Protein backbone atom coordinates (compact mmCIF):
# COMPACT_ATOMS: atom_id res chain seq x y z
CA MET A 1 49.83 131.91 116.07
CA LYS A 2 50.41 130.67 112.54
CA ASN A 3 54.15 131.39 112.93
CA ILE A 4 54.24 129.27 116.10
CA LEU A 5 52.38 126.45 114.36
CA LEU A 6 54.72 126.54 111.37
CA SER A 7 57.79 126.59 113.64
CA LEU A 8 56.58 123.59 115.67
CA THR A 9 55.64 121.66 112.53
CA PHE A 10 59.03 122.41 110.97
CA LEU A 11 60.80 121.26 114.15
CA PHE A 12 58.79 118.05 114.11
CA ILE A 13 59.65 117.33 110.46
CA THR A 14 63.37 118.06 110.87
CA LEU A 15 63.63 115.70 113.85
CA VAL A 16 61.37 112.86 112.73
CA ILE A 17 62.31 112.45 109.05
CA PRO A 18 66.02 111.75 109.71
CA ALA A 19 65.06 109.50 112.63
CA GLN A 20 62.74 107.53 110.38
CA ASP A 21 65.54 106.82 107.93
CA SER A 22 67.96 105.64 110.60
CA LEU A 23 65.45 103.58 112.56
CA LEU A 24 63.50 101.82 109.85
CA VAL A 25 65.98 101.37 106.99
CA ASP A 26 69.13 99.30 107.33
CA GLU A 27 72.51 99.99 105.70
CA ASP A 28 71.47 98.05 102.57
CA GLY A 29 68.31 100.11 102.18
CA TYR A 30 65.84 97.41 103.29
CA LEU A 31 62.77 98.53 105.19
CA LEU A 32 62.09 97.03 108.65
CA ASN A 33 65.20 94.87 108.98
CA ASP A 34 65.55 92.18 111.64
CA ASP A 35 67.06 94.60 114.16
CA VAL A 36 63.93 96.75 114.36
CA ASN A 37 61.97 96.25 117.58
CA ILE A 38 58.22 96.71 116.99
CA SER A 39 55.79 97.24 119.85
CA GLY A 40 52.66 99.26 120.48
CA TYR A 41 50.39 101.02 122.93
CA GLY A 42 46.94 102.52 123.34
CA GLY A 43 44.94 104.40 125.92
CA PRO A 44 42.76 107.36 126.87
CA LEU A 45 43.57 110.92 125.87
CA LEU A 46 42.34 113.87 127.95
CA SER A 47 42.83 117.46 126.82
CA PHE A 48 41.72 120.90 127.86
CA SER A 49 41.85 124.31 126.19
CA SER A 50 39.26 126.87 125.12
CA ILE A 51 36.66 127.01 122.38
CA ASN A 52 34.95 130.30 121.54
CA GLU A 53 36.68 131.79 124.62
CA GLU A 54 35.11 129.20 126.94
CA PHE A 55 36.79 126.34 128.83
CA ALA A 56 36.75 123.11 126.80
CA PHE A 57 37.42 119.62 128.12
CA MET A 58 37.88 116.87 125.55
CA MET A 59 38.09 113.10 125.94
CA GLY A 60 39.13 110.43 123.52
CA GLY A 61 41.84 107.91 122.89
CA GLY A 62 44.72 106.95 120.71
CA GLY A 63 47.12 104.19 119.87
CA ALA A 64 50.24 103.64 117.84
CA ILE A 65 52.85 101.20 116.59
CA LEU A 66 56.24 101.96 118.13
CA PHE A 67 59.51 101.31 116.30
CA ASN A 68 62.69 100.83 118.37
CA GLU A 69 61.15 102.64 121.35
CA ASN A 70 61.52 105.94 119.46
CA LEU A 71 59.39 106.48 116.38
CA PHE A 72 55.62 105.94 116.45
CA PHE A 73 52.73 106.02 113.96
CA GLY A 74 49.08 105.66 114.88
CA GLY A 75 45.76 107.39 115.23
CA TYR A 76 43.61 109.34 117.66
CA GLY A 77 40.05 110.50 118.23
CA SER A 78 38.68 113.16 120.57
CA GLY A 79 35.45 115.01 121.31
CA LEU A 80 34.18 117.86 123.45
CA THR A 81 32.52 116.64 126.68
CA ASN A 82 31.38 119.78 128.48
CA LYS A 83 28.53 122.04 127.37
CA ILE A 84 29.55 125.35 125.84
CA GLU A 85 26.55 127.61 125.40
CA ILE A 86 26.63 129.99 122.46
CA ASP A 87 26.06 133.62 123.33
CA SER A 88 25.18 135.12 119.95
CA SER A 89 22.07 136.39 118.24
CA VAL A 90 22.34 133.71 115.54
CA TYR A 91 22.52 130.66 117.84
CA LYS A 92 21.14 132.02 121.12
CA GLY A 93 20.56 129.22 123.65
CA SER A 94 22.34 126.56 121.57
CA TYR A 95 25.50 124.57 122.31
CA ILE A 96 28.76 123.87 120.49
CA GLY A 97 29.81 120.37 119.47
CA PHE A 98 33.40 119.62 118.44
CA ALA A 99 35.02 116.31 117.46
CA ASN A 100 38.00 115.24 115.40
CA GLY A 101 40.27 112.29 114.73
CA GLY A 102 43.04 111.23 112.41
CA LEU A 103 46.72 110.32 112.24
CA TRP A 104 49.21 110.69 115.06
CA SER A 105 52.98 110.34 114.71
CA GLY A 106 55.98 111.41 116.70
CA PHE A 107 59.42 110.79 118.12
CA ILE A 108 60.41 109.82 121.67
CA LEU A 109 63.71 111.36 122.76
CA MET A 110 65.95 109.52 125.26
CA SER A 111 63.44 106.68 125.54
CA SER A 112 65.69 104.69 127.90
CA LYS A 113 65.30 107.34 130.61
CA LYS A 114 62.51 107.09 133.19
CA ILE A 115 61.30 110.58 132.22
CA HIS A 116 61.77 111.67 128.62
CA PRO A 117 60.41 114.25 126.13
CA ILE A 118 58.20 113.48 123.13
CA ILE A 119 57.42 115.60 120.10
CA SER A 120 54.39 114.62 118.04
CA LEU A 121 51.96 115.83 115.42
CA MET A 122 48.25 115.06 115.09
CA VAL A 123 46.68 115.64 111.69
CA GLY A 124 42.96 115.01 111.49
CA TRP A 125 39.50 116.00 110.38
CA GLY A 126 36.15 116.28 112.06
CA SER A 127 33.19 118.57 112.57
CA VAL A 128 31.89 121.57 114.46
CA SER A 129 28.19 121.46 115.20
CA VAL A 130 25.52 123.64 116.77
CA ALA A 131 22.78 121.82 118.69
CA ASN A 132 19.83 122.80 120.84
CA GLU A 133 19.10 121.62 124.39
CA LEU A 134 17.60 118.37 123.06
CA SER A 135 20.86 117.65 121.15
CA TYR A 136 19.15 118.22 117.82
CA ILE A 137 21.80 119.47 115.39
CA ILE A 138 20.88 122.84 113.91
CA ASP A 139 24.04 123.45 111.89
CA ILE A 140 27.27 121.57 111.13
CA ASP A 141 30.56 122.20 109.35
CA ASN A 142 33.49 119.97 108.41
CA ILE A 143 36.95 120.93 109.64
CA TYR A 144 40.63 119.99 109.43
CA VAL A 145 42.81 119.99 112.54
CA ILE A 146 46.61 120.16 112.92
CA THR A 147 47.98 119.78 116.45
CA PRO A 148 51.72 119.83 117.23
CA CYS A 149 52.47 118.60 120.77
CA LEU A 150 55.37 118.62 123.23
CA ASP A 151 55.14 116.09 126.08
CA PHE A 152 57.10 114.68 128.98
CA GLU A 153 56.47 110.99 129.59
CA TYR A 154 57.00 109.02 132.79
CA GLN A 155 57.46 105.25 132.58
CA MET A 156 55.57 103.94 135.61
CA THR A 157 55.87 100.22 134.80
CA ASP A 158 56.86 98.05 131.84
CA PHE A 159 53.32 98.25 130.47
CA LEU A 160 52.10 101.67 131.68
CA ARG A 161 53.32 105.15 130.85
CA ILE A 162 51.77 108.53 131.55
CA SER A 163 52.54 111.66 129.59
CA THR A 164 51.51 115.26 129.95
CA GLY A 165 52.24 118.21 127.75
CA VAL A 166 51.20 121.26 125.77
CA GLN A 167 49.73 121.56 122.32
CA TYR A 168 48.46 124.07 119.82
CA ARG A 169 45.25 123.09 118.02
CA TYR A 170 44.96 124.76 114.63
CA VAL A 171 41.50 124.43 113.08
CA THR A 172 40.70 125.35 109.49
CA GLY A 173 37.80 124.88 107.09
CA ILE A 174 34.95 126.62 108.91
CA ASN A 175 32.77 128.38 106.36
CA GLU A 176 29.22 127.05 106.76
CA ILE A 177 28.44 128.20 110.31
CA ASP A 178 28.62 131.56 112.05
CA PHE A 179 32.11 131.05 113.55
CA ASP A 180 35.72 131.59 112.48
CA ASP A 181 38.66 129.17 112.52
CA LYS A 182 40.26 131.21 115.31
CA ASP A 183 37.30 130.49 117.61
CA PHE A 184 38.44 126.85 117.75
CA SER A 185 42.23 127.29 117.43
CA ASN A 186 44.11 127.65 120.70
CA PHE A 187 46.82 126.41 123.03
CA GLY A 188 45.96 123.66 125.48
CA GLY A 189 47.26 120.87 127.66
CA HIS A 190 46.72 117.13 127.67
CA ILE A 191 47.29 113.94 129.65
CA THR A 192 47.66 110.51 128.06
CA LEU A 193 47.76 107.07 129.64
CA LYS A 194 49.55 104.50 127.47
CA PHE A 195 49.03 100.79 128.00
CA GLY A 196 51.22 98.48 125.96
CA TRP A 197 54.49 96.67 125.76
């Protein structure tokens, strides 16, 4: 899994860094010259995968500034919405909580096409918690999350786009609760609605 994550992250860096130079810096080396078209978007983010070998549905949102219809920088936030009961002697009868947010950047390929691919990377931080039936938090731990994504986006109208894709969520930093990083790291899918101009 770590090899896949490293490969996807490397692919993202090799495609986005050269694109950033060509899109944002003019031939004289000035940042954000007059030819750069700046726009933006925001909207809900729905994702699904597994946590502790149980189905996990997460909801949140994100938004970004878009440069020349190709390169974007922004942020995201997401949290677990369904109840995942913990089946262990340590936390018997309790439920998992999971939330994270942070920076989101990426590159839109062939943006002039009606359907086009997107590669992106989410880098964030958050927490994993254990709570009882009354939502009283018994235990909590801080985490870091790295999520490379590959999407296909469909431009429905001038102000609405929908994208769907796959991701790998890599979680690290768990050391205070009775779980491992691998219990929260997994492949998943997501759907994003983007409202903007």
